[in-house]
Structure formats: C-alpha cells, structure tokens
Amino acid sequence: MTRSNPYNDPTARRAFLDREARLRQLSDVERDFVRLGELPDLNRWLDQVRATGGCAEPVHLRGHSTTLGAGTGEVLRHYSTEAEPGGRLSVRCRNRRASRCATCSREHSGDTFHLVRSGLTGGKGVPDAVRTHPRLFVTLTAPSFGAVHRAGECHRARRRCCEHGGRHGCGRLHPDTDPLVGQPLCADCYDYPGHVLWNAMAPALWKAFRDNLYHHLATRAGVGRSEVRALVRVSAAKVAEYQKRGSVHFHAVVRLDGPDGPAAPPPSWATGALLLEAVHSAVAAVALPCPDTAAHNGGRLRFGTQLDAHPLMKGDGGRLTDDAVAAYVAKYTSKSVEAAGAVDRRMESLAEIRALPVSLHVRALIATAWRLGGLPELQHLRLRAWAHMLGYRGHCLTKTRAFSTTYGQLRAARRRARQRPVRRPGQRDRGRECMAVCGNRAHPGRSAHRRRHRRRPRHNPGSRARRRGRFRPVWWGMVTGPAPVPGGSVERAGTPGQAEVPVIRSEIVIVDDDGNEEPYDPAKH
C-alpha cells in the first residue's frame, strides 16, 4: 500500500502531525520500540537479538564468507552481511563485567564455575581422582596503607590527632552500605603511592608465592629444593577481587598433584596439613623489592597479615563445599573495579580524572596512578593505561596449565552442542556429514554413514532457537556430504579415509555506529 505524501496531501499531513504529537507523549524507550516495529526486516533483527542472547553491547561485523570444496573448488556455501538489517551482523561482546553486559557476564561466570569445579571434582578432561588430592581455599589480602573506615564497629575513637589534624579513630558503627567504608581516616596520612604500586605488583607477588611454595613444601617434607618439582606439582587457580578501599586481594584454590599432573597421585608425605603449613609460611616469607622511584620511600612489597585458608578434602570442606567454592570464585569474575567505586574505562587526561563522579579516595588513587605512570623509571608498569584499575595490571582469573580445562574448550563444547541437530521424539536419526561454518572457522560435525540425499535446512537460526528454546549463532549453516563408502567413512581429496576439510575464504571487519572499520579477530569475539 502506497502512503500519501504529507507534503502534498492535507489529510496525510494531518495524520503525520497527529502521529508525531502522539509519539512526543511517549518516552524515549517507547519511541524506540515504535521505530523498531516499523522496520521491514524486524524478524531478522529479532533473530540476531535472540542469537546474541540479548547482548547489551554486541560487536557488529561486516563482510562475507565463502566455503569451497577442497578438491573441486565448488562453492558449498556463501554468506554475506549485505542482506542483514543495516548490512551488518551482531555477535556477542563476551565482556565479563556485569556493569557492561549482564548477559555475557553471566555466561562467563558460568564458564568459570565449570572451570573451577572441574579442577575440584574432576570432569571435562580432568580425572575424578583430583577430589582426593590435598586442596586448600586461600584468601590473600593486601597490607595496610593507612587506617580506613571499616564495616561494623570502626576504629575506637581517641583524643589524639595525627600531624595533619585528623582523628586517630572513628568510634561509629558503619553498615555495609555506608559510603564511608573503605575511605581513609586521614587522606594526608594514607600511602597512595604504596597502594598503587602494590596493586601493580600484585600479579608478580602471586607468582613469587606460587614459586616459593615449592621451597616450603621441600623444607617440610625433607627433600631437596631441586628435587621437589620432580615429586609434586602445585596446581592453582585464583581470582582477583577489589576491596572497598581499592586494594586487590586474591581468592585461590591450591591443589597438590603428582609429577605428571592431575592424573598422578601426590606423594604420601604431601598431605593437607603439610600444604596448609607451607602456605602460611610461604605467604609470610614472600617479598619483592618495591620499584625504585623518588615518589615512594621503597621498601619491600608483601601480602597482608590477614590470611584465610580452609582445607578441602574428598569433596567436603565442612562449611565449604566444592560447588560453593566454584560459585564463590565465579561470582567475582563478573565484578571489577566498580566494586571499589571506580570506573571501568580508561582515562585520557588528568582533567577527565578530576571530573569523574567518584569518591575523593578513588579519585586520589586514579590520579596517583596517572602521575606515577608519567615517571620514566615506572614506564614498564604502564600505570597510565591501568589508572582506571587503580594500578592493577593482571587478569581477573588465572590458573596453572594442569589445574583444569580452559575457557576455549568450554566455549567450543557449547558451540558444538548448539550446532548439533536435535532429534524430536519419534524422528528417525538420519546421519549426514555436516560442516557448521561460524565466522571464518569451520567445526566438523557428525560423519556421514547412512544416506546422502537430505533436504538442506533453511537458514533461519532464529526460528530454530525459538523451537528448541535455546540460542544459536546467527552465522550457522550446514552442507550435505558425498555418497557414503563401504566401511562407514567418507573419502575425499586428501588422505584416504579422512573427511575433506573445506577451504573457507572470508573477509570480515568490525564496524561501529560511525562506519569506522577495524580487523576482526574471532578469538576475541
């Protein structure tokens, strides 16, 4: 139906003005819904929203991908974003921060839960015997950089004052939601350079603790330091959490394995009690020299005196179970520096720092990191790039190689599960060789061993997601395979008995709202 031109038709002009008057009475969100409802390709846009799981900041891709047969060069499948709404395809941002994207952070927390849980109870490629290995749940804190207000009963009020005129105590009872919690009693007495430098060196402190733990295990077991690594292996995973005062502390799971990893039992002398003693002594002994700078008085960087360690033996740690520990660690992967009242974006200048809507304490920490980052002797710490993180430069979660599975393996397993054809009740299993093409990657599916001629499914992943009640990648397709050969395998050009690997040619870029393009890395998105 052709609409009348409101510039020429008085009736159409009146209808247009009445519609605009009704739209002005709506909120911005409601007007946006009206605009979306008038899109000609609304259904495809909804398919993309469902496929990304409702991602708050999706990455927009533009380009094309062509799958060719390796032997014949035949075009098996071609996909281009030109037919998509706006000429672009949306994929998940995969941001772990809940402040940026609640959907992707929830998925990342779920992956972290399974990653840590498999290191505690086994599964996903980890032997079930790890639950019988000595394990500890450890919390390592930062030292004191000055008195701060604390939740509950604060510091006892005293008559004395510091040299700057500040009180030595508070005497009040602070609830957990009190904005004063974590703020220094006297900002002039607080060691801001030491605080920022400790955050910057915290990853190095963790590595030094893990290396030093071998020495303390050797001392208590009565073996040489050069021999202990051939007898036992320390596997660990740790997550960083920001305290209210802005310092980082670590929650870690430490496990003792045999020399060959989780599949080998540790020596008989490697008990939970010995590991507990070694952790306490290693935390107290580890120390690193402070970076040499005139902005700080130097000294040694150490962990705080508050150390919490709980043994986890045979899947039962008393008040801490394996699932509870995994959930506790996973919870903090979705949080970041905003837990301390800071921001999750990088700073560009001191003027921007002064305009931040944060507390005076957090602004002083960010400004201190910015100023320290300008010193030539601290350039290697890249403090200006990480000023918004209060100097901390490490990853949120790290683990040793042998502790458990990896994020990549978990995501690949979820991708295979989403791409696997689902058989309805009463439906006959019709095998085919399929190839799921996602972006510029190809993931082999089920092998062909029954029939050849199958109807190719229509490329409508949104409808499939609605029918099956789960999300699937939008960029998803299937190609049929050749005729089966005796023995149940498929022979193609290449090594006999092996499936042909199609050649995938793609040209994909990331495009923002302003039309700017940048290279697309599928490993990051």
Protein backbone atom coordinates (compact mmCIF):
# COMPACT_ATOMS: atom_id res chain seq x y z
CA MET A 1 0.00 0.00 0.00
CA THR A 2 1.43 3.35 -1.05
CA ARG A 3 1.28 6.10 1.55
CA SER A 4 0.25 9.61 0.55
CA ASN A 5 2.86 12.32 0.60
CA PRO A 6 2.21 14.56 3.66
CA TYR A 7 3.76 17.50 1.78
CA ASN A 8 1.10 17.37 -0.93
CA ASP A 9 -1.92 15.75 0.72
CA PRO A 10 -3.56 17.76 3.56
CA THR A 11 -5.15 14.62 5.01
CA ALA A 12 -1.81 12.81 5.05
CA ARG A 13 -0.15 15.88 6.57
CA ARG A 14 -2.73 15.98 9.39
CA ALA A 15 -2.26 12.27 10.03
CA PHE A 16 1.51 12.72 10.12
CA LEU A 17 1.30 15.61 12.58
CA ASP A 18 -1.13 13.71 14.81
CA ARG A 19 1.24 10.73 14.85
CA GLU A 20 4.20 12.93 15.77
CA ALA A 21 2.15 14.51 18.58
CA ARG A 22 1.35 11.05 19.99
CA LEU A 23 4.99 9.99 19.74
CA ARG A 24 6.10 13.06 21.71
CA GLN A 25 3.96 11.86 24.60
CA LEU A 26 5.90 8.61 24.75
CA SER A 27 9.21 8.00 26.47
CA ASP A 28 12.46 7.52 24.55
CA VAL A 29 12.27 3.76 25.04
CA GLU A 30 8.69 3.58 23.81
CA ARG A 31 9.52 5.68 20.74
CA ASP A 32 12.43 3.34 20.03
CA PHE A 33 10.05 0.37 20.18
CA VAL A 34 7.78 2.08 17.66
CA ARG A 35 10.72 2.68 15.34
CA LEU A 36 11.83 -0.96 15.60
CA GLY A 37 8.31 -2.20 14.95
CA GLU A 38 8.26 -0.36 11.64
CA LEU A 39 11.46 -1.98 10.37
CA PRO A 40 10.85 -4.02 7.19
CA ASP A 41 13.31 -6.71 8.39
CA LEU A 42 12.16 -6.79 12.02
CA ASN A 43 12.04 -10.60 12.21
CA ARG A 44 15.66 -10.94 11.12
CA TRP A 45 16.68 -8.25 13.61
CA LEU A 46 14.91 -10.21 16.36
CA ASP A 47 16.75 -13.34 15.21
CA GLN A 48 20.05 -11.57 15.80
CA VAL A 49 18.94 -10.38 19.23
CA ARG A 50 17.96 -13.93 20.21
CA ALA A 51 21.18 -15.38 18.80
CA THR A 52 23.31 -12.98 20.85
CA GLY A 53 21.28 -13.73 23.97
CA GLY A 54 20.29 -10.09 24.37
CA CYS A 55 23.89 -8.82 24.50
CA ALA A 56 23.97 -5.19 25.68
CA GLU A 57 26.97 -4.17 23.55
CA PRO A 58 27.11 -6.53 20.56
CA VAL A 59 30.01 -6.43 18.11
CA HIS A 60 28.85 -5.57 14.59
CA LEU A 61 30.52 -7.39 11.71
CA ARG A 62 30.54 -6.63 8.02
CA GLY A 63 31.88 -8.89 5.28
CA HIS A 64 31.38 -12.22 3.62
CA SER A 65 32.46 -15.86 3.93
CA THR A 66 32.65 -18.50 1.21
CA THR A 67 33.12 -22.23 1.81
CA LEU A 68 34.73 -24.09 -1.09
CA GLY A 69 35.29 -27.78 -1.64
CA ALA A 70 38.98 -28.56 -1.22
CA GLY A 71 39.08 -30.98 -4.12
CA THR A 72 36.65 -29.50 -6.63
CA GLY A 73 36.58 -25.82 -5.73
CA GLU A 74 32.79 -25.95 -5.75
CA VAL A 75 31.05 -23.25 -3.74
CA LEU A 76 29.42 -25.14 -0.88
CA ARG A 77 28.08 -22.10 0.90
CA HIS A 78 28.30 -18.35 0.66
CA TYR A 79 27.22 -15.84 3.26
CA SER A 80 27.27 -12.04 3.17
CA THR A 81 26.09 -9.44 5.65
CA GLU A 82 24.59 -7.31 2.88
CA ALA A 83 21.20 -8.97 3.40
CA GLU A 84 21.26 -8.40 7.18
CA PRO A 85 19.50 -5.47 8.87
CA GLY A 86 21.73 -2.45 8.46
CA GLY A 87 24.15 -4.52 6.37
CA ARG A 88 25.88 -5.93 9.45
CA LEU A 89 25.80 -8.99 11.69
CA SER A 90 25.77 -8.78 15.50
CA VAL A 91 27.77 -11.19 17.69
CA ARG A 92 28.27 -11.35 21.45
CA CYS A 93 30.69 -8.89 23.05
CA ARG A 94 31.82 -11.59 25.57
CA ASN A 95 32.56 -8.94 28.20
CA ARG A 96 32.93 -10.48 31.64
CA ARG A 97 31.87 -7.30 33.50
CA ALA A 98 28.26 -7.19 34.65
CA SER A 99 28.44 -3.39 34.51
CA ARG A 100 28.94 -3.64 30.73
CA CYS A 101 26.81 -6.62 29.70
CA ALA A 102 24.78 -8.69 32.15
CA THR A 103 24.10 -11.46 29.61
CA CYS A 104 27.69 -12.09 28.56
CA SER A 105 28.99 -11.75 32.12
CA ARG A 106 26.52 -14.38 33.29
CA GLU A 107 27.74 -16.75 30.58
CA HIS A 108 31.36 -16.02 31.53
CA SER A 109 30.60 -16.68 35.20
CA GLY A 110 29.01 -19.99 34.24
CA ASP A 111 32.14 -20.96 32.31
CA THR A 112 34.27 -20.00 35.31
CA PHE A 113 32.12 -22.13 37.61
CA HIS A 114 32.66 -25.23 35.46
CA LEU A 115 36.35 -24.40 35.01
CA VAL A 116 36.97 -24.24 38.77
CA ARG A 117 34.61 -27.09 39.63
CA SER A 118 36.32 -29.46 37.19
CA GLY A 119 39.60 -28.71 38.98
CA LEU A 120 37.99 -29.65 42.31
CA THR A 121 35.82 -32.65 41.46
CA GLY A 122 37.07 -33.76 38.05
CA GLY A 123 35.28 -33.95 34.74
CA LYS A 124 35.71 -32.12 31.42
CA GLY A 125 39.03 -33.86 30.81
CA VAL A 126 40.19 -33.79 34.44
CA PRO A 127 40.38 -37.16 36.32
CA ASP A 128 37.87 -37.65 39.12
CA ALA A 129 40.75 -38.59 41.43
CA VAL A 130 41.62 -34.91 41.95
CA ARG A 131 38.92 -34.71 44.64
CA THR A 132 41.14 -36.90 46.84
CA HIS A 133 44.21 -34.68 46.38
CA PRO A 134 45.16 -32.16 49.10
CA ARG A 135 43.38 -28.86 48.33
CA LEU A 136 43.05 -25.51 50.01
CA PHE A 137 40.83 -22.48 49.51
CA VAL A 138 43.07 -19.50 50.29
CA THR A 139 42.42 -15.75 50.56
CA LEU A 140 45.45 -13.45 50.27
CA THR A 141 44.98 -9.80 51.22
CA ALA A 142 46.92 -6.57 50.79
CA PRO A 143 48.82 -4.90 53.65
CA SER A 144 47.67 -1.72 55.33
CA PHE A 145 48.42 1.61 53.66
CA GLY A 146 46.67 3.66 56.32
CA ALA A 147 43.64 3.44 58.61
CA VAL A 148 40.30 3.35 56.78
CA HIS A 149 36.69 3.21 57.92
CA ARG A 150 35.50 -0.38 58.16
CA ALA A 151 32.09 -2.00 58.22
CA GLY A 152 30.69 -2.84 61.63
CA GLU A 153 32.48 -1.39 64.61
CA CYS A 154 35.02 1.09 63.30
CA HIS A 155 38.29 2.14 64.93
CA ARG A 156 37.92 3.17 68.55
CA ALA A 157 37.73 6.92 68.95
CA ARG A 158 40.79 8.53 70.50
CA ARG A 159 41.59 12.01 71.68
CA ARG A 160 44.89 12.12 69.84
CA CYS A 161 45.10 13.52 66.33
CA CYS A 162 47.59 12.95 63.59
CA GLU A 163 50.07 15.58 62.44
CA HIS A 164 47.52 16.75 59.86
CA GLY A 165 44.78 17.27 62.43
CA GLY A 166 42.83 14.10 61.63
CA ARG A 167 41.36 11.86 64.30
CA HIS A 168 43.04 8.52 65.03
CA GLY A 169 39.70 6.78 65.43
CA CYS A 170 36.06 6.90 64.41
CA GLY A 171 34.02 5.14 67.09
CA ARG A 172 30.92 4.73 64.93
CA LEU A 173 29.09 1.63 63.71
CA HIS A 174 29.09 1.53 59.89
CA PRO A 175 26.65 -0.63 57.91
CA ASP A 176 28.00 -2.41 54.83
CA THR A 177 26.30 0.14 52.56
CA ASP A 178 27.84 3.16 54.28
CA PRO A 179 29.83 5.17 51.67
CA LEU A 180 32.43 5.90 54.36
CA VAL A 181 33.52 2.24 54.41
CA GLY A 182 36.94 1.99 52.78
CA GLN A 183 37.64 5.74 52.97
CA PRO A 184 40.82 6.75 54.89
CA LEU A 185 40.53 8.39 58.28
CA CYS A 186 43.17 10.90 57.12
CA ALA A 187 43.86 11.21 53.40
CA ASP A 188 47.16 13.04 54.07
CA CYS A 189 48.47 10.10 56.12
CA TYR A 190 47.39 7.49 53.58
CA ASP A 191 50.15 5.94 51.45
CA TYR A 192 48.64 6.38 47.98
CA PRO A 193 51.87 5.68 46.01
CA GLY A 194 52.44 2.49 48.01
CA HIS A 195 48.84 1.43 47.41
CA VAL A 196 49.08 1.89 43.63
CA LEU A 197 52.49 0.21 43.39
CA TRP A 198 51.26 -2.78 45.42
CA ASN A 199 48.29 -3.21 43.08
CA ALA A 200 50.66 -3.03 40.11
CA MET A 201 52.99 -5.66 41.59
CA ALA A 202 50.23 -7.96 42.91
CA PRO A 203 50.49 -10.41 39.94
CA ALA A 204 54.25 -10.68 40.50
CA LEU A 205 53.63 -11.29 44.21
CA TRP A 206 51.25 -14.14 43.36
CA LYS A 207 53.83 -15.74 41.07
CA ALA A 208 56.52 -15.37 43.73
CA PHE A 209 54.23 -17.01 46.28
CA ARG A 210 53.50 -19.93 43.99
CA ASP A 211 57.19 -20.46 43.23
CA ASN A 212 58.15 -20.05 46.88
CA LEU A 213 55.54 -22.61 47.89
CA TYR A 214 57.68 -25.36 46.34
CA HIS A 215 60.59 -24.41 48.61
CA HIS A 216 58.47 -24.53 51.75
CA LEU A 217 56.99 -27.87 50.73
CA ALA A 218 60.52 -29.23 50.25
CA THR A 219 61.63 -27.95 53.66
CA ARG A 220 58.73 -29.58 55.48
CA ALA A 221 58.98 -32.83 53.53
CA GLY A 222 62.74 -33.11 54.00
CA VAL A 223 63.57 -33.20 50.27
CA GLY A 224 65.86 -31.02 48.24
CA ARG A 225 64.57 -27.87 46.56
CA SER A 226 65.86 -29.10 43.23
CA GLU A 227 64.04 -32.42 43.65
CA VAL A 228 60.63 -31.28 44.88
CA ARG A 229 59.33 -30.26 41.43
CA ALA A 230 60.00 -33.79 40.19
CA LEU A 231 57.91 -35.23 43.03
CA VAL A 232 54.91 -32.92 43.31
CA ARG A 233 53.16 -30.26 41.24
CA VAL A 234 51.28 -27.25 42.61
CA SER A 235 48.13 -26.57 40.57
CA ALA A 236 46.17 -23.43 41.37
CA ALA A 237 43.51 -21.03 40.16
CA LYS A 238 42.98 -17.55 41.59
CA VAL A 239 40.57 -14.69 41.07
CA ALA A 240 41.14 -11.02 41.94
CA GLU A 241 38.66 -9.01 43.99
CA TYR A 242 38.67 -5.33 44.84
CA GLN A 243 38.12 -4.35 48.44
CA LYS A 244 36.22 -1.21 49.40
CA ARG A 245 39.48 0.64 49.99
CA GLY A 246 40.56 -0.08 46.40
CA SER A 247 43.22 -2.72 47.02
CA VAL A 248 43.26 -6.11 45.33
CA HIS A 249 43.15 -9.41 47.16
CA PHE A 250 43.13 -12.93 45.78
CA HIS A 251 40.85 -15.92 46.32
CA ALA A 252 42.69 -19.05 45.24
CA VAL A 253 42.26 -22.82 45.07
CA VAL A 254 45.58 -24.61 45.61
CA ARG A 255 45.91 -28.34 44.84
CA LEU A 256 48.79 -30.79 45.07
CA ASP A 257 49.19 -33.26 42.20
CA GLY A 258 51.72 -35.88 41.27
CA PRO A 259 54.67 -35.06 38.99
CA ASP A 260 52.63 -35.96 35.88
CA GLY A 261 49.70 -33.69 36.70
CA PRO A 262 46.17 -34.38 37.97
CA ALA A 263 46.19 -37.97 36.73
CA ALA A 264 49.04 -38.89 39.11
CA PRO A 265 48.54 -39.03 42.90
CA PRO A 266 50.82 -36.85 45.03
CA PRO A 267 53.46 -38.46 47.29
CA SER A 268 52.35 -39.85 50.62
CA TRP A 269 54.05 -37.02 52.51
CA ALA A 270 52.06 -34.40 50.56
CA THR A 271 49.11 -34.09 52.94
CA GLY A 272 46.58 -31.37 53.50
CA ALA A 273 48.15 -30.41 56.84
CA LEU A 274 51.59 -30.04 55.25
CA LEU A 275 50.14 -27.91 52.45
CA LEU A 276 48.38 -25.69 54.99
CA GLU A 277 51.62 -25.10 56.92
CA ALA A 278 53.57 -24.45 53.73
CA VAL A 279 51.01 -21.88 52.53
CA HIS A 280 51.15 -19.96 55.80
CA SER A 281 54.95 -19.86 55.87
CA ALA A 282 55.25 -19.03 52.14
CA VAL A 283 52.82 -16.09 52.38
CA ALA A 284 54.76 -14.69 55.36
CA ALA A 285 58.13 -15.12 53.64
CA VAL A 286 57.45 -13.87 50.11
CA ALA A 287 58.58 -10.29 49.48
CA LEU A 288 59.54 -8.30 46.40
CA PRO A 289 61.53 -5.07 46.18
CA CYS A 290 59.41 -2.02 45.53
CA PRO A 291 60.14 -0.34 42.18
CA ASP A 292 62.87 2.24 42.62
CA THR A 293 61.35 5.70 42.37
CA ALA A 294 61.69 9.02 44.14
CA ALA A 295 57.88 9.14 44.56
CA HIS A 296 57.99 6.37 47.17
CA ASN A 297 60.27 5.50 50.04
CA GLY A 298 60.96 2.00 48.67
CA GLY A 299 60.93 -0.99 50.98
CA ARG A 300 59.56 -4.48 50.34
CA LEU A 301 56.15 -5.46 49.00
CA ARG A 302 54.39 -8.22 50.91
CA PHE A 303 50.97 -9.74 51.39
CA GLY A 304 48.86 -8.62 54.32
CA THR A 305 48.78 -10.39 57.65
CA GLN A 306 45.14 -11.42 57.22
CA LEU A 307 45.39 -14.89 55.67
CA ASP A 308 42.43 -17.25 55.41
CA ALA A 309 43.00 -20.90 54.38
CA HIS A 310 40.47 -23.75 54.51
CA PRO A 311 41.27 -27.36 53.60
CA LEU A 312 39.03 -29.13 51.10
CA MET A 313 39.40 -32.87 51.36
CA LYS A 314 37.47 -35.57 49.49
CA GLY A 315 34.87 -33.14 48.21
CA ASP A 316 33.80 -31.93 51.67
CA GLY A 317 35.38 -28.91 53.27
CA GLY A 318 32.99 -28.64 56.22
CA ARG A 319 31.29 -25.31 55.73
CA LEU A 320 32.76 -25.03 52.22
CA THR A 321 31.76 -27.50 49.53
CA ASP A 322 33.33 -27.82 46.11
CA ASP A 323 30.32 -26.26 44.39
CA ALA A 324 30.27 -23.39 46.89
CA VAL A 325 33.93 -22.61 46.27
CA ALA A 326 33.46 -22.74 42.48
CA ALA A 327 30.42 -20.45 42.71
CA TYR A 328 32.30 -18.07 45.02
CA VAL A 329 35.20 -17.74 42.57
CA ALA A 330 32.86 -17.44 39.57
CA LYS A 331 30.95 -14.63 41.25
CA TYR A 332 33.95 -12.33 41.23
CA THR A 333 34.75 -12.77 37.55
CA SER A 334 31.71 -10.65 36.70
CA LYS A 335 32.86 -7.86 39.03
CA SER A 336 35.70 -5.43 38.61
CA VAL A 337 36.99 -2.15 39.92
CA GLU A 338 33.46 -0.73 40.14
CA ALA A 339 33.14 -2.72 43.42
CA ALA A 340 35.55 -0.15 44.88
CA GLY A 341 33.59 2.76 43.41
CA ALA A 342 35.84 3.34 40.38
CA VAL A 343 35.06 3.25 36.66
CA ASP A 344 35.64 0.53 34.06
CA ARG A 345 37.06 2.66 31.25
CA ARG A 346 40.49 4.08 30.59
CA MET A 347 41.48 7.64 31.39
CA GLU A 348 42.84 10.10 28.84
CA SER A 349 43.92 13.06 30.97
CA LEU A 350 44.03 14.49 34.48
CA ALA A 351 41.13 16.77 33.58
CA GLU A 352 38.98 13.72 32.91
CA ILE A 353 40.04 12.25 36.26
CA ARG A 354 39.04 15.42 38.10
CA ALA A 355 35.57 15.27 36.51
CA LEU A 356 34.88 11.65 37.50
CA PRO A 357 31.78 11.11 39.69
CA VAL A 358 33.74 9.07 42.27
CA SER A 359 34.78 9.49 45.88
CA LEU A 360 37.80 11.61 46.84
CA HIS A 361 39.69 8.45 47.81
CA VAL A 362 39.16 6.73 44.45
CA ARG A 363 39.97 9.94 42.57
CA ALA A 364 43.22 10.24 44.55
CA LEU A 365 44.15 6.64 43.66
CA ILE A 366 43.47 7.15 39.95
CA ALA A 367 45.34 10.47 39.90
CA THR A 368 48.29 8.90 41.76
CA ALA A 369 48.47 6.07 39.22
CA TRP A 370 48.38 8.64 36.41
CA ARG A 371 51.19 10.73 37.91
CA LEU A 372 53.34 7.68 38.70
CA GLY A 373 52.82 6.44 35.15
CA GLY A 374 54.47 9.62 33.86
CA LEU A 375 57.76 8.87 35.65
CA PRO A 376 60.48 7.41 33.38
CA GLU A 377 61.52 4.77 35.93
CA LEU A 378 57.96 3.38 36.11
CA GLN A 379 57.17 3.29 32.40
CA HIS A 380 57.38 -0.51 32.36
CA LEU A 381 54.38 -0.71 34.71
CA ARG A 382 52.12 1.15 32.23
CA LEU A 383 50.26 2.78 35.11
CA ARG A 384 48.54 5.38 32.96
CA ALA A 385 46.94 2.69 30.83
CA TRP A 386 45.71 0.98 34.01
CA ALA A 387 44.96 4.03 36.13
CA HIS A 388 41.23 3.26 35.97
CA MET A 389 42.03 -0.15 37.53
CA LEU A 390 43.89 1.63 40.37
CA GLY A 391 47.19 0.27 39.06
CA TYR A 392 46.27 -3.42 38.88
CA ARG A 393 47.51 -4.86 35.57
CA GLY A 394 46.74 -8.57 35.92
CA HIS A 395 43.97 -10.77 34.61
CA CYS A 396 40.82 -11.27 36.64
CA LEU A 397 41.27 -15.06 36.76
CA THR A 398 44.43 -17.06 36.14
CA LYS A 399 45.26 -20.72 36.58
CA THR A 400 48.07 -23.15 36.06
CA ARG A 401 48.00 -25.19 32.89
CA ALA A 402 47.22 -28.52 34.58
CA PHE A 403 44.57 -27.27 37.02
CA SER A 404 41.54 -27.90 34.81
CA THR A 405 40.06 -27.24 31.40
CA THR A 406 40.20 -23.90 29.56
CA TYR A 407 37.68 -21.26 28.51
CA GLY A 408 38.34 -22.12 24.88
CA GLN A 409 37.46 -25.78 25.39
CA LEU A 410 34.29 -24.90 27.28
CA ARG A 411 33.15 -22.48 24.56
CA ALA A 412 33.96 -25.00 21.83
CA ALA A 413 31.87 -27.64 23.62
CA ARG A 414 28.94 -25.22 23.96
CA ARG A 415 29.27 -24.26 20.30
CA ARG A 416 29.19 -27.91 19.23
CA ALA A 417 26.14 -28.53 21.41
CA ARG A 418 24.30 -25.60 19.84
CA GLN A 419 25.16 -26.71 16.35
CA ARG A 420 24.25 -30.36 16.87
CA PRO A 421 20.94 -31.26 15.17
CA VAL A 422 18.27 -32.10 17.73
CA ARG A 423 16.10 -35.16 17.04
CA ARG A 424 12.46 -34.85 18.03
CA PRO A 425 10.57 -37.78 19.65
CA GLY A 426 9.71 -40.37 17.02
CA GLN A 427 12.00 -38.82 14.41
CA ARG A 428 14.38 -41.21 12.67
CA ASP A 429 18.08 -40.38 13.02
CA ARG A 430 19.25 -39.56 9.52
CA GLY A 431 23.02 -39.28 9.54
CA ARG A 432 24.80 -36.85 7.27
CA GLU A 433 28.14 -35.24 7.01
CA CYS A 434 27.72 -31.65 8.06
CA MET A 435 30.00 -28.71 8.43
CA ALA A 436 28.99 -25.81 10.66
CA VAL A 437 30.58 -22.59 9.47
CA CYS A 438 30.79 -19.87 12.13
CA GLY A 439 32.51 -16.69 11.00
CA ASN A 440 35.78 -17.71 9.42
CA ARG A 441 36.05 -21.00 11.32
CA ALA A 442 34.80 -24.44 10.40
CA HIS A 443 33.76 -27.00 13.00
CA PRO A 444 33.26 -30.57 11.73
CA GLY A 445 30.01 -32.18 12.75
CA ARG A 446 28.71 -35.76 12.56
CA SER A 447 30.17 -38.13 9.97
CA ALA A 448 28.08 -39.47 7.11
CA HIS A 449 27.38 -43.16 7.25
CA ARG A 450 23.75 -43.65 6.20
CA ARG A 451 22.06 -41.62 3.47
CA ARG A 452 23.25 -38.98 1.10
CA HIS A 453 20.19 -37.15 -0.17
CA ARG A 454 18.84 -34.92 2.57
CA ARG A 455 16.90 -31.72 2.37
CA ARG A 456 19.11 -28.79 3.27
CA PRO A 457 17.64 -26.90 6.27
CA ARG A 458 16.51 -23.36 5.64
CA HIS A 459 18.96 -20.75 7.02
CA ASN A 460 16.71 -19.41 9.76
CA PRO A 461 18.52 -19.89 13.08
CA GLY A 462 16.10 -17.61 14.91
CA SER A 463 13.15 -19.94 14.28
CA ARG A 464 15.25 -22.94 15.30
CA ALA A 465 16.20 -21.17 18.52
CA ARG A 466 12.54 -20.45 19.26
CA ARG A 467 11.51 -24.06 18.62
CA ARG A 468 14.29 -25.54 20.69
CA GLY A 469 14.22 -22.96 23.44
CA ARG A 470 17.90 -22.05 23.25
CA PHE A 471 20.21 -19.67 21.43
CA ARG A 472 22.34 -20.50 18.39
CA PRO A 473 24.85 -18.48 16.42
CA VAL A 474 23.28 -16.50 13.59
CA TRP A 475 26.16 -17.32 11.28
CA TRP A 476 25.35 -21.01 11.03
CA GLY A 477 24.74 -23.34 8.12
CA MET A 478 25.02 -26.95 7.01
CA VAL A 479 26.19 -28.59 3.80
CA THR A 480 25.45 -32.12 2.73
CA GLY A 481 28.25 -34.60 2.15
CA PRO A 482 29.04 -37.01 -0.70
CA ALA A 483 27.83 -40.55 -1.13
CA PRO A 484 28.89 -42.94 1.66
CA VAL A 485 31.53 -45.55 1.01
CA PRO A 486 31.84 -49.04 2.47
CA GLY A 487 33.16 -49.06 5.99
CA GLY A 488 31.23 -46.01 7.16
CA SER A 489 33.85 -43.37 6.26
CA VAL A 490 33.92 -40.70 3.58
CA GLU A 491 36.86 -40.39 1.21
CA ARG A 492 37.65 -37.12 -0.45
CA ALA A 493 40.61 -35.38 -1.94
CA GLY A 494 43.46 -35.78 0.51
CA THR A 495 44.33 -38.62 2.84
CA PRO A 496 42.18 -41.73 2.18
CA GLY A 497 39.65 -42.46 4.91
CA GLN A 498 39.63 -38.87 6.21
CA ALA A 499 36.95 -36.27 5.63
CA GLU A 500 37.78 -33.41 3.31
CA VAL A 501 38.47 -30.10 5.02
CA PRO A 502 36.69 -27.33 3.07
CA VAL A 503 38.53 -24.17 2.17
CA ILE A 504 36.99 -21.11 3.79
CA ARG A 505 37.69 -17.69 2.39
CA SER A 506 36.40 -14.77 4.39
CA GLU A 507 36.74 -11.02 4.58
CA ILE A 508 35.28 -9.78 7.86
CA VAL A 509 35.70 -6.47 9.70
CA ILE A 510 34.19 -4.85 12.78
CA VAL A 511 32.15 -1.73 12.09
CA ASP A 512 30.97 0.81 14.68
CA ASP A 513 27.98 3.14 14.58
CA ASP A 514 30.04 5.80 12.77
CA GLY A 515 31.06 3.41 9.99
CA ASN A 516 34.67 3.01 11.15
CA GLU A 517 36.19 -0.40 10.47
CA GLU A 518 38.81 -2.46 12.26
CA PRO A 519 40.10 -6.03 11.78
CA TYR A 520 38.01 -8.84 13.27
CA ASP A 521 39.69 -11.44 15.49
CA PRO A 522 37.36 -14.41 16.12
CA ALA A 523 39.48 -15.49 19.10
CA LYS A 524 38.49 -12.30 20.96
CA HIS A 525 34.84 -12.09 19.90
